[in-house]
Protein backbone atom coordinates (compact mmCIF):
# COMPACT_ATOMS: atom_id res chain seq x y z
CA MET A 1 -22.29 70.67 -19.66
CA SER A 2 -21.13 70.70 -16.11
CA ASP A 3 -21.27 67.66 -13.90
CA THR A 4 -23.24 68.51 -10.75
CA SER A 5 -22.63 65.21 -9.01
CA ALA A 6 -20.00 65.03 -6.28
CA SER A 7 -16.61 63.64 -7.24
CA PRO A 8 -15.89 60.14 -6.03
CA GLY A 9 -14.11 60.35 -2.69
CA ARG A 10 -15.42 63.85 -1.89
CA ARG A 11 -18.51 64.59 0.11
CA PRO A 12 -20.92 67.38 -0.86
CA VAL A 13 -20.45 70.77 0.79
CA VAL A 14 -24.13 71.16 1.64
CA THR A 15 -25.21 68.39 3.98
CA PRO A 16 -28.37 68.05 6.08
CA SER A 17 -26.44 68.61 9.30
CA ARG A 18 -24.90 71.82 7.93
CA VAL A 19 -28.30 73.06 6.83
CA ALA A 20 -29.69 72.34 10.31
CA ALA A 21 -26.71 74.11 11.90
CA GLY A 22 -27.26 77.11 9.65
CA LEU A 23 -30.93 77.28 10.59
CA CYS A 24 -29.99 77.10 14.27
CA LEU A 25 -27.62 80.03 13.82
CA ILE A 26 -29.94 82.20 11.74
CA ALA A 27 -33.08 81.79 13.88
CA PRO A 28 -32.01 84.25 16.64
CA PHE A 29 -31.10 86.90 14.04
CA VAL A 30 -34.47 86.63 12.34
CA ALA A 31 -36.30 86.70 15.67
CA MET A 32 -34.44 89.80 16.87
CA LEU A 33 -34.44 91.72 13.58
CA TRP A 34 -38.20 91.32 13.12
CA VAL A 35 -38.96 94.01 15.71
CA GLY A 36 -42.59 94.42 14.69
CA SER A 37 -43.35 90.97 16.06
CA TYR A 38 -42.40 91.89 19.63
CA ALA A 39 -42.75 95.68 19.81
CA LYS A 40 -45.62 95.60 22.29
CA VAL A 41 -46.21 95.98 26.00
CA LYS A 42 -48.65 93.15 26.64
CA PRO A 43 -48.54 90.37 27.68
CA THR A 44 -46.50 91.21 30.72
CA PHE A 45 -44.57 88.62 32.70
CA ILE A 46 -44.17 89.39 36.42
CA GLY A 47 -44.62 93.05 35.57
CA ILE A 48 -42.04 93.09 32.76
CA PRO A 49 -43.37 94.25 29.37
CA PHE A 50 -43.30 91.76 26.51
CA PHE A 51 -40.71 93.82 24.59
CA TYR A 52 -38.10 93.19 27.27
CA TRP A 53 -38.79 89.64 28.39
CA TYR A 54 -39.06 88.40 24.80
CA GLN A 55 -35.54 89.64 24.06
CA MET A 56 -34.16 88.21 27.28
CA LEU A 57 -35.82 84.87 26.53
CA TRP A 58 -33.76 84.68 23.35
CA VAL A 59 -30.47 84.76 25.29
CA PRO A 60 -30.75 81.15 26.59
CA ILE A 61 -32.52 80.03 23.40
CA SER A 62 -29.61 81.39 21.34
CA ALA A 63 -27.12 79.61 23.60
CA VAL A 64 -28.93 76.30 23.12
CA LEU A 65 -29.20 76.77 19.34
CA THR A 66 -25.53 77.71 19.04
CA THR A 67 -24.52 74.66 21.07
CA THR A 68 -26.72 72.47 18.87
CA ALA A 69 -25.11 73.87 15.72
CA TYR A 70 -21.64 73.28 17.17
CA ILE A 71 -22.47 69.67 18.05
CA LEU A 72 -23.91 68.99 14.59
CA VAL A 73 -20.83 70.36 12.81
CA ARG A 74 -18.38 68.57 15.12
CA ARG A 75 -20.24 65.28 14.68
CA GLU A 76 -20.02 65.63 10.92
CA GLN A 77 -16.31 66.47 11.07
CA ARG A 78 -15.61 63.45 13.25
CA ALA A 79 -17.56 61.22 10.86
CA LEU A 80 -15.52 62.55 7.92
CA LYS A 81 -12.24 61.95 9.75
CA GLY A 82 -13.31 58.44 10.71
CA GLY A 83 -14.35 57.69 7.15
CA GLU A 84 -11.02 58.81 5.67
CA GLU A 85 -8.93 56.58 7.93
CA GLN A 86 -10.53 53.36 6.70
């Protein structure tokens, strides 16, 4: 039988912050690859069809989600470094 518990002194590879970072990174891909959800003209926004403004809205959303994922991973790395020095 294999031991599925983490070795003493080693942290698990899958952590909640890594899962959250992964979800932040995959959300824009899912939103953009599911074309059927936004392949329409209405509702328009200042005369721009939904198809176009929906995609452009994802540019800043993707930037925020990528930044969030970066912060989560860096915070975890810093915590691991701080924990090893003690």
